[in-house]
PDB file of N, CA and C in Angstrom:
ATOM      1  N   MET A   1      26.620  56.406  -4.745  1.00  0.00           N
ATOM      2  CA  MET A   1      26.620  57.281  -3.556  1.00  0.00           C
ATOM      3  C   MET A   1      27.699  57.124  -2.840  1.00  0.00           C
ATOM      4  N   LYS A   2      28.205  58.210  -2.289  1.00  0.00           N
ATOM      5  CA  LYS A   2      29.422  58.138  -1.382  1.00  0.00           C
ATOM      6  C   LYS A   2      29.182  58.669  -0.042  1.00  0.00           C
ATOM      7  N   LEU A   3      29.552  57.882   1.017  1.00  0.00           N
ATOM      8  CA  LEU A   3      29.380  58.232   2.294  1.00  0.00           C
ATOM      9  C   LEU A   3      30.708  58.424   3.125  1.00  0.00           C
ATOM     10  N   LEU A   4      30.817  59.530   3.749  1.00  0.00           N
ATOM     11  CA  LEU A   4      32.172  59.631   4.566  1.00  0.00           C
ATOM     12  C   LEU A   4      31.899  58.959   5.828  1.00  0.00           C
ATOM     13  N   HIS A   5      30.718  59.107   6.413  1.00  0.00           N
ATOM     14  CA  HIS A   5      30.446  58.377   7.682  1.00  0.00           C
ATOM     15  C   HIS A   5      28.933  58.288   7.881  1.00  0.00           C
ATOM     16  N   ALA A   6      28.377  57.115   8.320  1.00  0.00           N
ATOM     17  CA  ALA A   6      26.878  57.090   8.583  1.00  0.00           C
ATOM     18  C   ALA A   6      26.808  56.423   9.926  1.00  0.00           C
ATOM     19  N   ARG A   7      25.731  56.809  10.601  1.00  0.00           N
ATOM     20  CA  ARG A   7      25.396  56.240  11.827  1.00  0.00           C
ATOM     21  C   ARG A   7      23.925  55.654  11.773  1.00  0.00           C
ATOM     22  N   MET A   8      23.603  54.473  12.102  1.00  0.00           N
ATOM     23  CA  MET A   8      22.231  53.901  12.045  1.00  0.00           C
ATOM     24  C   MET A   8      21.795  53.340  13.311  1.00  0.00           C
ATOM     25  N   PRO A   9      20.987  53.918  14.009  1.00  0.00           N
ATOM     26  CA  PRO A   9      20.396  53.228  15.197  1.00  0.00           C
ATOM     27  C   PRO A   9      19.466  51.995  14.970  1.00  0.00           C
ATOM     28  N   ILE A  10      19.678  50.982  15.574  1.00  0.00           N
ATOM     29  CA  ILE A  10      18.795  49.652  15.447  1.00  0.00           C
ATOM     30  C   ILE A  10      18.586  49.303  16.827  1.00  0.00           C
ATOM     31  N   GLY A  11      17.268  49.762  17.285  1.00  0.00           N
ATOM     32  CA  GLY A  11      16.903  49.524  18.533  1.00  0.00           C
ATOM     33  C   GLY A  11      17.801  50.261  19.599  1.00  0.00           C
ATOM     34  N   ASP A  12      18.331  49.764  20.469  1.00  0.00           N
ATOM     35  CA  ASP A  12      19.268  50.473  21.452  1.00  0.00           C
ATOM     36  C   ASP A  12      20.754  50.286  20.936  1.00  0.00           C
ATOM     37  N   THR A  13      20.957  49.873  19.838  1.00  0.00           N
ATOM     38  CA  THR A  13      22.332  49.571  19.258  1.00  0.00           C
ATOM     39  C   THR A  13      22.557  50.668  18.142  1.00  0.00           C
ATOM     40  N   LEU A  14      23.879  51.118  17.986  1.00  0.00           N
ATOM     41  CA  LEU A  14      24.302  51.943  17.011  1.00  0.00           C
ATOM     42  C   LEU A  14      25.133  51.278  16.061  1.00  0.00           C
ATOM     43  N   SER A  15      24.849  51.286  14.815  1.00  0.00           N
ATOM     44  CA  SER A  15      25.819  50.726  13.977  1.00  0.00           C
ATOM     45  C   SER A  15      26.405  51.892  13.033  1.00  0.00           C
ATOM     46  N   MET A  16      27.732  51.906  12.652  1.00  0.00           N
ATOM     47  CA  MET A  16      28.421  52.976  11.916  1.00  0.00           C
ATOM     48  C   MET A  16      29.210  52.388  10.941  1.00  0.00           C
ATOM     49  N   GLY A  17      29.268  53.041   9.790  1.00  0.00           N
ATOM     50  CA  GLY A  17      30.104  52.622   8.621  1.00  0.00           C
ATOM     51  C   GLY A  17      30.499  53.680   7.827  1.00  0.00           C
ATOM     52  N   SER A  18      31.236  53.504   6.691  1.00  0.00           N
ATOM     53  CA  SER A  18      31.750  54.444   5.723  1.00  0.00           C
ATOM     54  C   SER A  18      32.037  53.818   4.388  1.00  0.00           C
ATOM     55  N   ASP A  19      32.237  54.507   3.278  1.00  0.00           N
ATOM     56  CA  ASP A  19      32.618  53.945   2.103  1.00  0.00           C
ATOM     57  C   ASP A  19      34.101  53.754   2.182  1.00  0.00           C
ATOM     58  N   ALA A  20      34.585  53.013   1.334  1.00  0.00           N
ATOM     59  CA  ALA A  20      36.071  52.750   1.304  1.00  0.00           C
ATOM     60  C   ALA A  20      36.700  53.929   0.409  1.00  0.00           C
ATOM     61  N   PRO A  21      37.932  54.313   0.751  1.00  0.00           N
ATOM     62  CA  PRO A  21      38.588  55.354  -0.038  1.00  0.00           C
ATOM     63  C   PRO A  21      38.710  54.986  -1.439  1.00  0.00           C
ATOM     64  N   ALA A  22      38.862  56.013  -2.435  1.00  0.00           N
ATOM     65  CA  ALA A  22      38.908  56.012  -3.743  1.00  0.00           C
ATOM     66  C   ALA A  22      40.158  54.929  -4.154  1.00  0.00           C
ATOM     67  N   GLY A  23      39.718  53.936  -5.029  1.00  0.00           N
ATOM     68  CA  GLY A  23      40.776  52.961  -5.399  1.00  0.00           C
ATOM     69  C   GLY A  23      40.763  51.727  -4.537  1.00  0.00           C
ATOM     70  N   ARG A  24      40.049  51.736  -3.404  1.00  0.00           N
ATOM     71  CA  ARG A  24      40.142  50.568  -2.445  1.00  0.00           C
ATOM     72  C   ARG A  24      38.885  49.817  -2.336  1.00  0.00           C
ATOM     73  N   LEU A  25      37.927  49.974  -3.050  1.00  0.00           N
ATOM     74  CA  LEU A  25      36.585  49.421  -2.981  1.00  0.00           C
ATOM     75  C   LEU A  25      36.804  48.015  -3.490  1.00  0.00           C
ATOM     76  N   GLN A  26      36.230  47.013  -2.776  1.00  0.00           N
ATOM     77  CA  GLN A  26      36.217  45.681  -2.881  1.00  0.00           C
ATOM     78  C   GLN A  26      34.890  45.033  -2.574  1.00  0.00           C
ATOM     79  N   LYS A  27      34.593  43.904  -3.442  1.00  0.00           N
ATOM     80  CA  LYS A  27      33.271  43.207  -3.256  1.00  0.00           C
ATOM     81  C   LYS A  27      33.232  42.738  -1.876  1.00  0.00           C
ATOM     82  N   MET A  28      32.013  42.859  -1.117  1.00  0.00           N
ATOM     83  CA  MET A  28      31.873  42.303   0.086  1.00  0.00           C
ATOM     84  C   MET A  28      31.762  40.942   0.043  1.00  0.00           C
ATOM     85  N   GLN A  29      32.480  39.930   0.711  1.00  0.00           N
ATOM     86  CA  GLN A  29      32.403  38.614   0.752  1.00  0.00           C
ATOM     87  C   GLN A  29      33.045  38.000   1.919  1.00  0.00           C
ATOM     88  N   GLY A  30      32.620  36.691   2.391  1.00  0.00           N
ATOM     89  CA  GLY A  30      33.247  36.068   3.488  1.00  0.00           C
ATOM     90  C   GLY A  30      32.846  36.517   4.873  1.00  0.00           C
ATOM     91  N   PHE A  31      31.634  37.273   4.961  1.00  0.00           N
ATOM     92  CA  PHE A  31      31.129  37.601   6.288  1.00  0.00           C
ATOM     93  C   PHE A  31      29.590  37.963   5.964  1.00  0.00           C
ATOM     94  N   SER A  32      28.957  38.034   7.068  1.00  0.00           N
ATOM     95  CA  SER A  32      27.530  38.486   7.163  1.00  0.00           C
ATOM     96  C   SER A  32      27.385  39.433   8.425  1.00  0.00           C
ATOM     97  N   VAL A  33      26.530  40.394   8.251  1.00  0.00           N
ATOM     98  CA  VAL A  33      26.255  41.341   9.372  1.00  0.00           C
ATOM     99  C   VAL A  33      24.927  40.655  10.022  1.00  0.00           C
ATOM    100  N   ALA A  34      25.252  40.340  11.279  1.00  0.00           N
ATOM    101  CA  ALA A  34      24.229  39.661  12.050  1.00  0.00           C
ATOM    102  C   ALA A  34      23.485  40.571  13.063  1.00  0.00           C
ATOM    103  N   LEU A  35      22.182  40.486  13.046  1.00  0.00           N
ATOM    104  CA  LEU A  35      21.292  41.291  13.905  1.00  0.00           C
ATOM    105  C   LEU A  35      20.668  40.197  14.876  1.00  0.00           C
ATOM    106  N   GLY A  36      20.703  40.424  16.097  1.00  0.00           N
ATOM    107  CA  GLY A  36      19.830  39.681  17.030  1.00  0.00           C
ATOM    108  C   GLY A  36      18.643  40.670  17.500  1.00  0.00           C
ATOM    109  N   ILE A  37      17.412  40.123  17.212  1.00  0.00           N
ATOM    110  CA  ILE A  37      16.334  40.866  17.506  1.00  0.00           C
ATOM    111  C   ILE A  37      15.371  40.136  18.361  1.00  0.00           C
ATOM    112  N   ASP A  38      14.879  40.791  19.458  1.00  0.00           N
ATOM    113  CA  ASP A  38      14.020  40.122  20.476  1.00  0.00           C
ATOM    114  C   ASP A  38      12.502  39.807  19.939  1.00  0.00           C
ATOM    115  N   ASP A  39      12.067  40.707  19.120  1.00  0.00           N
ATOM    116  CA  ASP A  39      10.706  40.625  18.852  1.00  0.00           C
ATOM    117  C   ASP A  39      10.515  39.956  17.378  1.00  0.00           C
ATOM    118  N   PRO A  40       9.714  38.857  17.240  1.00  0.00           N
ATOM    119  CA  PRO A  40       9.619  38.299  15.821  1.00  0.00           C
ATOM    120  C   PRO A  40       8.969  39.232  14.908  1.00  0.00           C
ATOM    121  N   ALA A  41       8.006  40.139  15.232  1.00  0.00           N
ATOM    122  CA  ALA A  41       7.413  41.085  14.236  1.00  0.00           C
ATOM    123  C   ALA A  41       8.325  42.102  13.883  1.00  0.00           C
ATOM    124  N   GLU A  42       9.322  42.464  14.648  1.00  0.00           N
ATOM    125  CA  GLU A  42      10.449  43.483  14.388  1.00  0.00           C
ATOM    126  C   GLU A  42      11.437  42.846  13.544  1.00  0.00           C
ATOM    127  N   ALA A  43      11.738  41.532  13.633  1.00  0.00           N
ATOM    128  CA  ALA A  43      12.732  40.836  12.867  1.00  0.00           C
ATOM    129  C   ALA A  43      12.159  40.768  11.489  1.00  0.00           C
ATOM    130  N   GLU A  44      10.856  40.433  11.430  1.00  0.00           N
ATOM    131  CA  GLU A  44      10.234  40.357  10.056  1.00  0.00           C
ATOM    132  C   GLU A  44      10.229  41.776   9.293  1.00  0.00           C
ATOM    133  N   ARG A  45      10.032  42.721   9.948  1.00  0.00           N
ATOM    134  CA  ARG A  45       9.941  44.094   9.486  1.00  0.00           C
ATOM    135  C   ARG A  45      11.379  44.499   8.945  1.00  0.00           C
ATOM    136  N   ILE A  46      12.467  44.144   9.780  1.00  0.00           N
ATOM    137  CA  ILE A  46      13.829  44.586   9.263  1.00  0.00           C
ATOM    138  C   ILE A  46      14.171  43.639   8.080  1.00  0.00           C
ATOM    139  N   TYR A  47      13.917  42.340   8.246  1.00  0.00           N
ATOM    140  CA  TYR A  47      14.154  41.439   7.092  1.00  0.00           C
ATOM    141  C   TYR A  47      13.668  41.872   5.815  1.00  0.00           C
ATOM    142  N   ASN A  48      12.322  42.211   5.747  1.00  0.00           N
ATOM    143  CA  ASN A  48      11.658  42.580   4.616  1.00  0.00           C
ATOM    144  C   ASN A  48      12.173  43.785   4.091  1.00  0.00           C
ATOM    145  N   ALA A  49      12.497  44.743   4.899  1.00  0.00           N
ATOM    146  CA  ALA A  49      13.180  46.038   4.518  1.00  0.00           C
ATOM    147  C   ALA A  49      14.531  45.742   3.765  1.00  0.00           C
ATOM    148  N   LEU A  50      15.305  44.982   4.335  1.00  0.00           N
ATOM    149  CA  LEU A  50      16.643  44.682   3.676  1.00  0.00           C
ATOM    150  C   LEU A  50      16.490  43.879   2.518  1.00  0.00           C
ATOM    151  N   ALA A  51      15.527  42.987   2.388  1.00  0.00           N
ATOM    152  CA  ALA A  51      15.290  42.119   1.266  1.00  0.00           C
ATOM    153  C   ALA A  51      14.738  42.811   0.056  1.00  0.00           C
ATOM    154  N   ASP A  52      14.083  44.081   0.273  1.00  0.00           N
ATOM    155  CA  ASP A  52      13.543  44.843  -0.828  1.00  0.00           C
ATOM    156  C   ASP A  52      14.709  45.241  -1.841  1.00  0.00           C
ATOM    157  N   GLY A  53      14.553  44.681  -2.915  1.00  0.00           N
ATOM    158  CA  GLY A  53      15.664  44.901  -3.978  1.00  0.00           C
ATOM    159  C   GLY A  53      16.802  43.995  -3.888  1.00  0.00           C
ATOM    160  N   GLY A  54      16.932  43.122  -2.852  1.00  0.00           N
ATOM    161  CA  GLY A  54      18.030  42.330  -2.611  1.00  0.00           C
ATOM    162  C   GLY A  54      17.787  40.882  -3.045  1.00  0.00           C
ATOM    163  N   THR A  55      18.642  39.935  -2.545  1.00  0.00           N
ATOM    164  CA  THR A  55      18.445  38.602  -2.965  1.00  0.00           C
ATOM    165  C   THR A  55      18.331  37.791  -1.591  1.00  0.00           C
ATOM    166  N   VAL A  56      17.397  36.936  -1.401  1.00  0.00           N
ATOM    167  CA  VAL A  56      17.097  36.052  -0.436  1.00  0.00           C
ATOM    168  C   VAL A  56      17.909  34.861  -0.479  1.00  0.00           C
ATOM    169  N   GLN A  57      18.738  34.516   0.500  1.00  0.00           N
ATOM    170  CA  GLN A  57      19.316  33.251   0.420  1.00  0.00           C
ATOM    171  C   GLN A  57      18.587  32.210   1.262  1.00  0.00           C
ATOM    172  N   MET A  58      18.068  32.685   2.345  1.00  0.00           N
ATOM    173  CA  MET A  58      17.072  31.817   3.268  1.00  0.00           C
ATOM    174  C   MET A  58      16.040  32.573   3.769  1.00  0.00           C
ATOM    175  N   PRO A  59      14.726  32.173   3.351  1.00  0.00           N
ATOM    176  CA  PRO A  59      13.600  32.947   3.805  1.00  0.00           C
ATOM    177  C   PRO A  59      13.537  32.884   5.474  1.00  0.00           C
ATOM    178  N   LEU A  60      12.931  34.093   5.871  1.00  0.00           N
ATOM    179  CA  LEU A  60      12.660  34.219   7.330  1.00  0.00           C
ATOM    180  C   LEU A  60      11.749  33.153   7.887  1.00  0.00           C
ATOM    181  N   ALA A  61      12.213  32.345   8.585  1.00  0.00           N
ATOM    182  CA  ALA A  61      11.256  31.176   9.195  1.00  0.00           C
ATOM    183  C   ALA A  61      11.782  30.638  10.527  1.00  0.00           C
ATOM    184  N   GLU A  62      10.920  29.811  11.231  1.00  0.00           N
ATOM    185  CA  GLU A  62      11.233  29.313  12.382  1.00  0.00           C
ATOM    186  C   GLU A  62      12.223  28.176  12.313  1.00  0.00           C
ATOM    187  N   THR A  63      13.315  28.181  13.120  1.00  0.00           N
ATOM    188  CA  THR A  63      14.283  27.063  13.200  1.00  0.00           C
ATOM    189  C   THR A  63      14.294  26.341  14.531  1.00  0.00           C
ATOM    190  N   PHE A  64      15.033  25.297  14.613  1.00  0.00           N
ATOM    191  CA  PHE A  64      15.242  24.633  15.935  1.00  0.00           C
ATOM    192  C   PHE A  64      15.792  25.715  17.011  1.00  0.00           C
ATOM    193  N   TRP A  65      16.544  26.690  16.704  1.00  0.00           N
ATOM    194  CA  TRP A  65      17.135  27.609  17.607  1.00  0.00           C
ATOM    195  C   TRP A  65      16.473  28.952  17.765  1.00  0.00           C
ATOM    196  N   ALA A  66      15.625  29.310  16.654  1.00  0.00           N
ATOM    197  CA  ALA A  66      15.138  30.766  16.554  1.00  0.00           C
ATOM    198  C   ALA A  66      13.683  30.736  16.291  1.00  0.00           C
ATOM    199  N   LYS A  67      12.965  31.788  16.751  1.00  0.00           N
ATOM    200  CA  LYS A  67      11.546  32.065  16.486  1.00  0.00           C
ATOM    201  C   LYS A  67      11.597  32.428  14.955  1.00  0.00           C
ATOM    202  N   LYS A  68      12.545  33.087  14.572  1.00  0.00           N
ATOM    203  CA  LYS A  68      12.649  33.709  13.182  1.00  0.00           C
ATOM    204  C   LYS A  68      14.189  33.745  12.896  1.00  0.00           C
ATOM    205  N   PHE A  69      14.777  33.214  11.716  1.00  0.00           N
ATOM    206  CA  PHE A  69      16.065  33.299  11.213  1.00  0.00           C
ATOM    207  C   PHE A  69      15.854  33.379   9.680  1.00  0.00           C
ATOM    208  N   GLY A  70      16.705  34.194   9.066  1.00  0.00           N
ATOM    209  CA  GLY A  70      16.942  34.336   7.706  1.00  0.00           C
ATOM    210  C   GLY A  70      17.965  34.949   7.429  1.00  0.00           C
ATOM    211  N   MET A  71      18.481  34.686   5.918  1.00  0.00           N
ATOM    212  CA  MET A  71      19.700  35.161   5.388  1.00  0.00           C
ATOM    213  C   MET A  71      19.456  35.834   3.990  1.00  0.00           C
ATOM    214  N   LEU A  72      20.077  37.051   3.742  1.00  0.00           N
ATOM    215  CA  LEU A  72      19.846  37.813   2.450  1.00  0.00           C
ATOM    216  C   LEU A  72      21.085  38.588   2.143  1.00  0.00           C
ATOM    217  N   THR A  73      21.025  38.970   0.938  1.00  0.00           N
ATOM    218  CA  THR A  73      22.007  40.231   0.615  1.00  0.00           C
ATOM    219  C   THR A  73      21.185  41.308   0.153  1.00  0.00           C
ATOM    220  N   ASP A  74      21.492  42.476   0.768  1.00  0.00           N
ATOM    221  CA  ASP A  74      20.738  43.658   0.428  1.00  0.00           C
ATOM    222  C   ASP A  74      20.917  44.153  -1.012  1.00  0.00           C
ATOM    223  N   ARG A  75      20.220  45.155  -1.292  1.00  0.00           N
ATOM    224  CA  ARG A  75      20.410  45.741  -2.673  1.00  0.00           C
ATOM    225  C   ARG A  75      21.904  46.360  -2.891  1.00  0.00           C
ATOM    226  N   PHE A  76      22.418  46.576  -1.875  1.00  0.00           N
ATOM    227  CA  PHE A  76      23.851  47.138  -2.002  1.00  0.00           C
ATOM    228  C   PHE A  76      25.000  46.057  -1.905  1.00  0.00           C
ATOM    229  N   GLY A  77      24.560  44.833  -1.755  1.00  0.00           N
ATOM    230  CA  GLY A  77      25.615  43.683  -1.726  1.00  0.00           C
ATOM    231  C   GLY A  77      26.058  43.221  -0.415  1.00  0.00           C
ATOM    232  N   THR A  78      25.413  43.853   0.779  1.00  0.00           N
ATOM    233  CA  THR A  78      25.746  43.530   1.998  1.00  0.00           C
ATOM    234  C   THR A  78      24.919  42.364   2.448  1.00  0.00           C
ATOM    235  N   PRO A  79      25.779  41.298   2.865  1.00  0.00           N
ATOM    236  CA  PRO A  79      25.072  39.952   3.408  1.00  0.00           C
ATOM    237  C   PRO A  79      24.731  40.244   4.832  1.00  0.00           C
ATOM    238  N   TRP A  80      23.337  39.620   5.171  1.00  0.00           N
ATOM    239  CA  TRP A  80      22.811  39.900   6.406  1.00  0.00           C
ATOM    240  C   TRP A  80      22.217  38.533   6.987  1.00  0.00           C
ATOM    241  N   MET A  81      22.342  38.351   8.260  1.00  0.00           N
ATOM    242  CA  MET A  81      21.648  37.378   9.021  1.00  0.00           C
ATOM    243  C   MET A  81      20.724  37.968   9.975  1.00  0.00           C
ATOM    244  N   ILE A  82      19.460  37.546  10.059  1.00  0.00           N
ATOM    245  CA  ILE A  82      18.504  38.093  11.044  1.00  0.00           C
ATOM    246  C   ILE A  82      18.092  36.939  11.813  1.00  0.00           C
ATOM    247  N   ASN A  83      18.236  37.159  13.232  1.00  0.00           N
ATOM    248  CA  ASN A  83      18.169  36.010  14.247  1.00  0.00           C
ATOM    249  C   ASN A  83      17.232  36.509  15.352  1.00  0.00           C
ATOM    250  N   CYS A  84      16.110  35.849  15.499  1.00  0.00           N
ATOM    251  CA  CYS A  84      15.217  36.131  16.747  1.00  0.00           C
ATOM    252  C   CYS A  84      15.258  34.840  17.501  1.00  0.00           C
ATOM    253  N   GLU A  85      16.114  34.746  18.489  1.00  0.00           N
ATOM    254  CA  GLU A  85      16.305  33.486  19.284  1.00  0.00           C
ATOM    255  C   GLU A  85      15.046  33.129  20.127  1.00  0.00           C
ATOM    256  N   LYS A  86      14.888  31.728  20.270  1.00  0.00           N
ATOM    257  CA  LYS A  86      13.870  31.323  21.282  1.00  0.00           C
ATOM    258  C   LYS A  86      14.434  31.376  22.657  1.00  0.00           C
ATOM    259  N   ALA A  87      13.559  31.487  23.564  1.00  0.00           N
ATOM    260  CA  ALA A  87      14.059  31.559  24.927  1.00  0.00           C
ATOM    261  C   ALA A  87      14.721  30.149  25.405  1.00  0.00           C
ATOM    262  N   ALA A  88      15.813  30.367  26.101  1.00  0.00           N
ATOM    263  CA  ALA A  88      16.573  29.245  26.473  1.00  0.00           C
ATOM    264  C   ALA A  88      15.953  28.299  27.471  1.00  0.00           C
TER     265      ALA A  88
END
């Protein structure tokens, strides 16, 4: 599938992207798309949707800094970090 331009609202945030021009496609590596989500249930919903057909590197779980944190690569090869911080 090729996309000229995509817009994806995530809560009150807008994420945008597009495919690489012909002949310039490279494997995604050396980064992760990080989402900060306030609600643990919403963090779990988004994590599970992205993990469907993908590869989990770190299951979504509580950590010392977060109510929920997890890492995965979605079915398209995009690496993600989902973070739902604890109150300071």
